[in-house]
Amino acid sequence: MKRLLFLCVSFIILNSFWTSAGTPYSFDEDPIEVMVLTDDYHYSTTVNVGILGHNYIPWSLNSGNGIYGDFEVTYPASGGDQIINFLICDQENYDLWVAGQTASVYHLQEHVADYSFEFIVPTTDTWYFVFKNYAIFLSKTIDVNLYRDDTPPTISMNLIAGATYSDTKEITATITEDAFAISSVSLYIDGLLKDTESDSSFSYSWDTMGYSNGPHTIRISASDNVGNTGYEEVIVYVSNVITTTTTRGTTETTGGGATPPLASNTPLDILYMIGGISLIAMYGIAIALRKRDNSFAS
């Protein structure tokens, strides 16, 4: 009787293993089209994994895609049997893993009940998010959230569109991102690159004295490390007092996009010239009159 009971239990366990291990989990539709939130692709689902079995979520992804997500084992609710193993792999390595051969995988987590992760897809392929249950008496239920990050960074700049600035103005910006790190932040003034950083808190000291009075376009762009790029652009005005210093023969102008000093004729120079010409003319007239008087006398 005991031997018969043992054989029955063994048959049930082995049958459960082969059945669950060979039955993949899949969506009714292309996973990318399941749900769209703003510019992110997102879906939530429940994965059931049988005794000694595994299950997976397949997703066709492109190189450079940024994926992030989390999962939690919800059945059983607590205890040591709540844990599972988790891994991410491409088609080739999934086939190797199923065949019991050595495979290269990402985010291998053993004996976890919940987990959060970020994953940058290295190659275009079908990728498998695999859940393995090593329990011999309990199946597992897992709540899963997966996201593909297509949202560009958000930029908040301190400059106000249409505002007027003078002297030196500190340009600052705060960059926020859903999941992945910021890779670069760049500042452009009138289309010319002025500064590049890789920090989510950006600052630049803008000397407006080197720019002409009037409108100027300020743009800050930011990229994350999965290729999403966003920007903020404003048109502001520069207004600096133009100071002119005059010396004989030279005018120097500073402020408001001043041009280099140029030699010029000032009003005082013109007066000197007129005076000189007048003196010469008067001298010539005096000589002419004297010659005329001398001619009369003779």
Protein backbone atom coordinates (compact mmCIF):
# COMPACT_ATOMS: atom_id res chain seq x y z
CA MET A 1 0.00 0.00 0.00
CA LYS A 2 2.78 2.47 0.92
CA ARG A 3 4.64 1.57 -2.26
CA LEU A 4 1.53 2.20 -4.34
CA LEU A 5 0.95 5.55 -2.66
CA PHE A 6 4.57 6.54 -3.29
CA LEU A 7 4.31 5.63 -6.96
CA CYS A 8 1.09 7.66 -7.32
CA VAL A 9 2.62 10.74 -5.72
CA SER A 10 5.76 10.39 -7.84
CA PHE A 11 3.67 10.15 -11.00
CA ILE A 12 1.70 13.28 -10.08
CA ILE A 13 4.87 15.27 -9.38
CA LEU A 14 6.64 14.18 -12.57
CA ASN A 15 3.55 14.75 -14.67
CA SER A 16 3.18 18.24 -13.18
CA PHE A 17 6.84 18.97 -13.89
CA TRP A 18 6.76 18.02 -17.57
CA THR A 19 3.41 19.67 -18.19
CA SER A 20 4.25 23.00 -16.52
CA ALA A 21 7.82 23.15 -17.84
CA GLY A 22 6.66 22.77 -21.40
CA THR A 23 3.73 25.20 -21.32
CA PRO A 24 4.79 28.81 -21.93
CA TYR A 25 2.81 31.86 -20.89
CA SER A 26 1.87 34.22 -23.69
CA PHE A 27 -0.35 37.23 -24.34
CA ASP A 28 -3.45 37.25 -26.51
CA GLU A 29 -1.93 40.19 -28.41
CA ASP A 30 1.52 41.54 -29.19
CA PRO A 31 2.81 42.61 -25.73
CA ILE A 32 3.78 46.05 -27.01
CA GLU A 33 0.13 46.71 -27.92
CA VAL A 34 -1.38 45.52 -24.67
CA MET A 35 -1.44 48.86 -22.88
CA VAL A 36 -0.04 52.32 -23.57
CA LEU A 37 0.48 54.86 -20.78
CA THR A 38 1.61 58.31 -22.00
CA ASP A 39 4.74 57.51 -24.05
CA ASP A 40 5.66 54.34 -22.12
CA TYR A 41 4.62 50.84 -23.09
CA HIS A 42 3.40 49.12 -19.98
CA TYR A 43 1.55 45.96 -19.12
CA SER A 44 0.64 44.10 -16.00
CA THR A 45 -0.24 40.43 -15.81
CA THR A 46 -0.37 37.42 -13.55
CA VAL A 47 1.91 34.46 -14.25
CA ASN A 48 1.11 31.02 -12.87
CA VAL A 49 3.94 28.52 -12.42
CA GLY A 50 3.29 24.88 -11.67
CA ILE A 51 5.16 22.57 -9.32
CA LEU A 52 8.81 22.22 -10.42
CA GLY A 53 7.91 24.12 -13.55
CA HIS A 54 8.71 27.40 -15.25
CA ASN A 55 6.80 30.02 -17.16
CA TYR A 56 7.82 33.04 -19.20
CA ILE A 57 6.74 36.29 -20.80
CA PRO A 58 8.11 36.70 -24.36
CA TRP A 59 8.73 40.16 -25.77
CA SER A 60 10.13 41.16 -29.17
CA LEU A 61 12.56 44.00 -28.42
CA ASN A 62 15.10 46.11 -30.27
CA SER A 63 18.70 46.78 -29.36
CA GLY A 64 18.95 49.72 -26.96
CA ASN A 65 15.38 49.47 -25.62
CA GLY A 66 15.21 50.30 -21.93
CA ILE A 67 13.05 47.86 -19.96
CA TYR A 68 12.24 48.14 -16.29
CA GLY A 69 9.80 46.27 -14.10
CA ASP A 70 9.02 44.43 -10.93
CA PHE A 71 7.24 41.30 -9.72
CA GLU A 72 5.92 39.81 -6.52
CA VAL A 73 4.90 36.27 -5.62
CA THR A 74 1.34 36.53 -4.33
CA TYR A 75 0.61 32.82 -3.81
CA PRO A 76 1.46 31.37 -1.45
CA ALA A 77 1.08 34.54 0.58
CA SER A 78 4.02 33.90 2.91
CA GLY A 79 6.56 31.37 4.02
CA GLY A 80 9.66 29.82 2.55
CA ASP A 81 7.75 28.27 -0.34
CA GLN A 82 6.95 31.75 -1.67
CA ILE A 83 10.33 32.11 -3.36
CA ILE A 84 11.17 31.55 -7.05
CA ASN A 85 14.08 32.01 -9.47
CA PHE A 86 14.06 34.71 -12.15
CA LEU A 87 16.16 35.39 -15.25
CA ILE A 88 16.12 37.26 -18.58
CA CYS A 89 17.55 35.74 -21.77
CA ASP A 90 17.27 35.84 -25.56
CA GLN A 91 15.85 33.09 -27.78
CA GLU A 92 19.11 31.19 -28.24
CA ASN A 93 19.96 31.08 -24.55
CA TYR A 94 16.39 30.22 -23.58
CA ASP A 95 16.61 27.14 -25.81
CA LEU A 96 19.94 26.20 -24.21
CA TRP A 97 18.54 26.68 -20.71
CA VAL A 98 15.47 24.54 -21.42
CA ALA A 99 17.74 21.83 -22.82
CA GLY A 100 19.74 21.83 -19.59
CA GLN A 101 22.85 23.32 -21.16
CA THR A 102 24.95 26.31 -20.08
CA ALA A 103 23.27 29.58 -21.00
CA SER A 104 24.10 33.29 -20.69
CA VAL A 105 21.37 35.16 -18.86
CA TYR A 106 20.73 38.55 -17.27
CA HIS A 107 19.38 39.48 -13.85
CA LEU A 108 19.59 35.95 -12.50
CA GLN A 109 17.88 36.03 -9.11
CA GLU A 110 17.57 32.89 -6.99
CA HIS A 111 15.13 32.34 -4.16
CA VAL A 112 13.34 35.70 -4.30
CA ALA A 113 9.75 36.59 -3.49
CA ASP A 114 9.88 40.04 -5.16
CA TYR A 115 12.32 41.93 -7.34
CA SER A 116 12.73 45.22 -9.27
CA PHE A 117 15.04 45.57 -12.25
CA GLU A 118 16.28 47.72 -15.14
CA PHE A 119 17.49 46.13 -18.35
CA ILE A 120 19.00 47.69 -21.51
CA VAL A 121 18.42 45.29 -24.40
CA PRO A 122 21.79 44.40 -25.98
CA THR A 123 20.51 42.88 -29.27
CA THR A 124 17.31 42.82 -31.29
CA ASP A 125 15.56 39.53 -30.53
CA THR A 126 12.71 37.89 -28.69
CA TRP A 127 13.55 38.16 -25.01
CA TYR A 128 12.18 35.91 -22.28
CA PHE A 129 11.35 36.97 -18.74
CA VAL A 130 11.46 33.58 -17.05
CA PHE A 131 10.03 32.48 -13.68
CA LYS A 132 11.14 29.10 -12.29
CA ASN A 133 9.41 27.30 -9.42
CA TYR A 134 11.51 24.70 -7.59
CA ALA A 135 8.83 23.87 -5.02
CA ILE A 136 7.68 20.23 -5.11
CA PHE A 137 4.36 20.76 -3.37
CA LEU A 138 3.11 24.28 -4.27
CA SER A 139 2.45 26.14 -7.51
CA LYS A 140 3.16 29.89 -7.60
CA THR A 141 1.21 32.97 -8.65
CA ILE A 142 3.26 36.04 -9.60
CA ASP A 143 2.07 39.59 -10.29
CA VAL A 144 4.31 41.18 -12.94
CA ASN A 145 4.71 44.76 -14.23
CA LEU A 146 6.87 45.46 -17.27
CA TYR A 147 7.61 48.82 -18.90
CA ARG A 148 9.47 49.93 -22.00
CA ASP A 149 10.84 53.41 -21.43
CA ASP A 150 10.17 55.60 -24.46
CA THR A 151 9.68 58.80 -22.47
CA PRO A 152 12.29 61.55 -22.95
CA PRO A 153 13.75 63.32 -19.91
CA THR A 154 11.78 66.30 -18.59
CA ILE A 155 13.65 69.61 -18.30
CA SER A 156 12.73 72.48 -16.01
CA MET A 157 14.71 75.67 -16.76
CA ASN A 158 14.84 78.79 -14.59
CA LEU A 159 14.75 81.25 -17.53
CA ILE A 160 11.33 82.74 -18.28
CA ALA A 161 10.23 83.10 -21.89
CA GLY A 162 10.08 86.76 -22.87
CA ALA A 163 12.00 87.94 -19.81
CA THR A 164 14.86 90.46 -20.04
CA TYR A 165 18.29 89.78 -18.56
CA SER A 166 21.50 91.77 -18.21
CA ASP A 167 25.07 91.41 -16.95
CA THR A 168 25.72 87.80 -15.85
CA LYS A 169 22.75 85.42 -15.54
CA GLU A 170 23.01 81.94 -13.98
CA ILE A 171 21.13 79.44 -16.15
CA THR A 172 19.97 76.41 -14.17
CA ALA A 173 17.88 73.36 -15.07
CA THR A 174 16.61 70.25 -13.31
CA ILE A 175 16.28 67.08 -15.40
CA THR A 176 13.96 64.25 -14.35
CA GLU A 177 13.77 60.75 -15.86
CA ASP A 178 11.45 57.76 -15.37
CA ALA A 179 13.97 55.02 -14.75
CA PHE A 180 17.32 55.24 -16.49
CA ALA A 181 20.26 57.53 -15.83
CA ILE A 182 20.88 60.84 -17.61
CA SER A 183 23.76 60.53 -20.09
CA SER A 184 24.16 64.14 -21.27
CA VAL A 185 22.76 67.67 -20.84
CA SER A 186 23.66 70.33 -23.43
CA LEU A 187 23.11 74.11 -23.56
CA TYR A 188 22.72 76.00 -26.85
CA ILE A 189 22.56 79.79 -27.23
CA ASP A 190 21.34 80.97 -30.63
CA GLY A 191 22.05 77.49 -32.00
CA LEU A 192 25.65 77.34 -30.78
CA LEU A 193 26.71 74.68 -28.25
CA LYS A 194 28.00 76.37 -25.07
CA ASP A 195 28.25 73.60 -22.47
CA THR A 196 27.69 69.85 -21.97
CA GLU A 197 27.35 68.01 -18.67
CA SER A 198 26.11 64.62 -17.49
CA ASP A 199 24.40 65.67 -14.26
CA SER A 200 20.66 65.92 -13.67
CA SER A 201 21.30 69.34 -12.05
CA PHE A 202 22.65 71.68 -14.72
CA SER A 203 24.09 75.21 -14.32
CA TYR A 204 25.87 77.69 -16.59
CA SER A 205 27.02 81.27 -15.99
CA TRP A 206 25.87 83.33 -18.98
CA ASP A 207 27.74 86.62 -19.55
CA THR A 208 25.16 88.62 -21.52
CA MET A 209 27.65 91.48 -22.02
CA GLY A 210 29.07 89.52 -24.93
CA TYR A 211 25.71 89.47 -26.73
CA SER A 212 23.81 92.15 -28.58
CA ASN A 213 20.76 93.74 -27.01
CA GLY A 214 17.61 92.03 -28.24
CA PRO A 215 16.19 88.48 -28.48
CA HIS A 216 18.23 85.30 -27.99
CA THR A 217 17.20 81.62 -28.11
CA ILE A 218 18.21 79.41 -25.19
CA ARG A 219 17.81 75.65 -25.52
CA ILE A 220 18.69 72.86 -23.08
CA SER A 221 18.52 69.27 -24.33
CA ALA A 222 18.92 66.09 -22.25
CA SER A 223 19.33 62.42 -23.17
CA ASP A 224 19.09 59.26 -21.07
CA ASN A 225 21.24 56.17 -21.55
CA VAL A 226 18.60 54.36 -23.62
CA GLY A 227 18.48 57.09 -26.27
CA ASN A 228 15.44 59.15 -25.25
CA THR A 229 16.04 62.89 -25.79
CA GLY A 230 13.99 65.87 -24.66
CA TYR A 231 14.53 69.62 -24.68
CA GLU A 232 13.20 72.95 -23.43
CA GLU A 233 13.63 76.17 -25.41
CA VAL A 234 12.85 79.79 -24.57
CA ILE A 235 13.41 83.16 -26.23
CA VAL A 236 14.68 85.82 -23.83
CA TYR A 237 15.96 89.36 -24.25
CA VAL A 238 19.31 90.95 -23.40
CA SER A 239 19.38 94.59 -22.32
CA ASN A 240 22.65 96.09 -21.19
CA VAL A 241 23.54 99.79 -20.83
CA ILE A 242 25.84 100.88 -23.65
CA THR A 243 28.72 103.02 -22.33
CA THR A 244 30.66 105.23 -24.80
CA THR A 245 34.06 106.72 -23.94
CA THR A 246 35.43 109.34 -26.36
CA THR A 247 39.02 110.49 -26.73
CA ARG A 248 40.40 112.58 -29.56
CA GLY A 249 40.19 110.54 -32.72
CA THR A 250 38.82 107.36 -31.02
CA THR A 251 35.45 106.13 -29.73
CA GLU A 252 35.24 103.06 -27.44
CA THR A 253 31.86 101.42 -26.81
CA THR A 254 31.16 98.75 -24.15
CA GLY A 255 28.04 96.84 -23.20
CA GLY A 256 25.15 95.59 -25.29
CA GLY A 257 27.29 93.58 -27.68
CA ALA A 258 29.83 96.35 -28.19
CA THR A 259 31.98 96.33 -31.31
CA PRO A 260 35.76 96.84 -31.20
CA PRO A 261 36.98 100.47 -31.06
CA LEU A 262 37.20 102.20 -34.43
CA ALA A 263 38.95 105.48 -35.38
CA SER A 264 36.36 108.19 -36.08
CA ASN A 265 35.96 111.97 -36.42
CA THR A 266 34.27 113.36 -33.34
CA PRO A 267 32.41 116.70 -33.32
CA LEU A 268 35.43 118.31 -31.65
CA ASP A 269 37.68 117.05 -34.44
CA ILE A 270 35.34 118.51 -37.01
CA LEU A 271 35.42 121.89 -35.26
CA TYR A 272 39.22 121.84 -35.29
CA MET A 273 39.14 121.09 -39.00
CA ILE A 274 36.65 123.89 -39.75
CA GLY A 275 38.71 126.33 -37.68
CA GLY A 276 41.89 125.39 -39.48
CA ILE A 277 40.29 125.76 -42.89
CA SER A 278 38.87 129.15 -41.86
CA LEU A 279 42.28 130.41 -40.71
CA ILE A 280 43.88 129.32 -43.96
CA ALA A 281 41.14 131.01 -45.98
CA MET A 282 41.43 134.24 -43.99
CA TYR A 283 45.22 134.23 -44.44
CA GLY A 284 44.81 133.78 -48.16
CA ILE A 285 42.32 136.65 -48.37
CA ALA A 286 44.65 138.95 -46.38
CA ILE A 287 47.55 138.23 -48.76
CA ALA A 288 45.36 138.87 -51.80
CA LEU A 289 44.18 142.21 -50.41
CA ARG A 290 47.75 143.29 -49.60
CA LYS A 291 48.86 142.52 -53.17
CA ARG A 292 45.95 144.55 -54.52
CA ASP A 293 46.82 147.54 -52.30
CA ASN A 294 50.45 147.39 -53.42
CA SER A 295 49.40 147.40 -57.04
CA PHE A 296 47.25 150.50 -56.53
CA ALA A 297 50.09 152.28 -54.75
CA SER A 298 52.46 151.74 -57.62
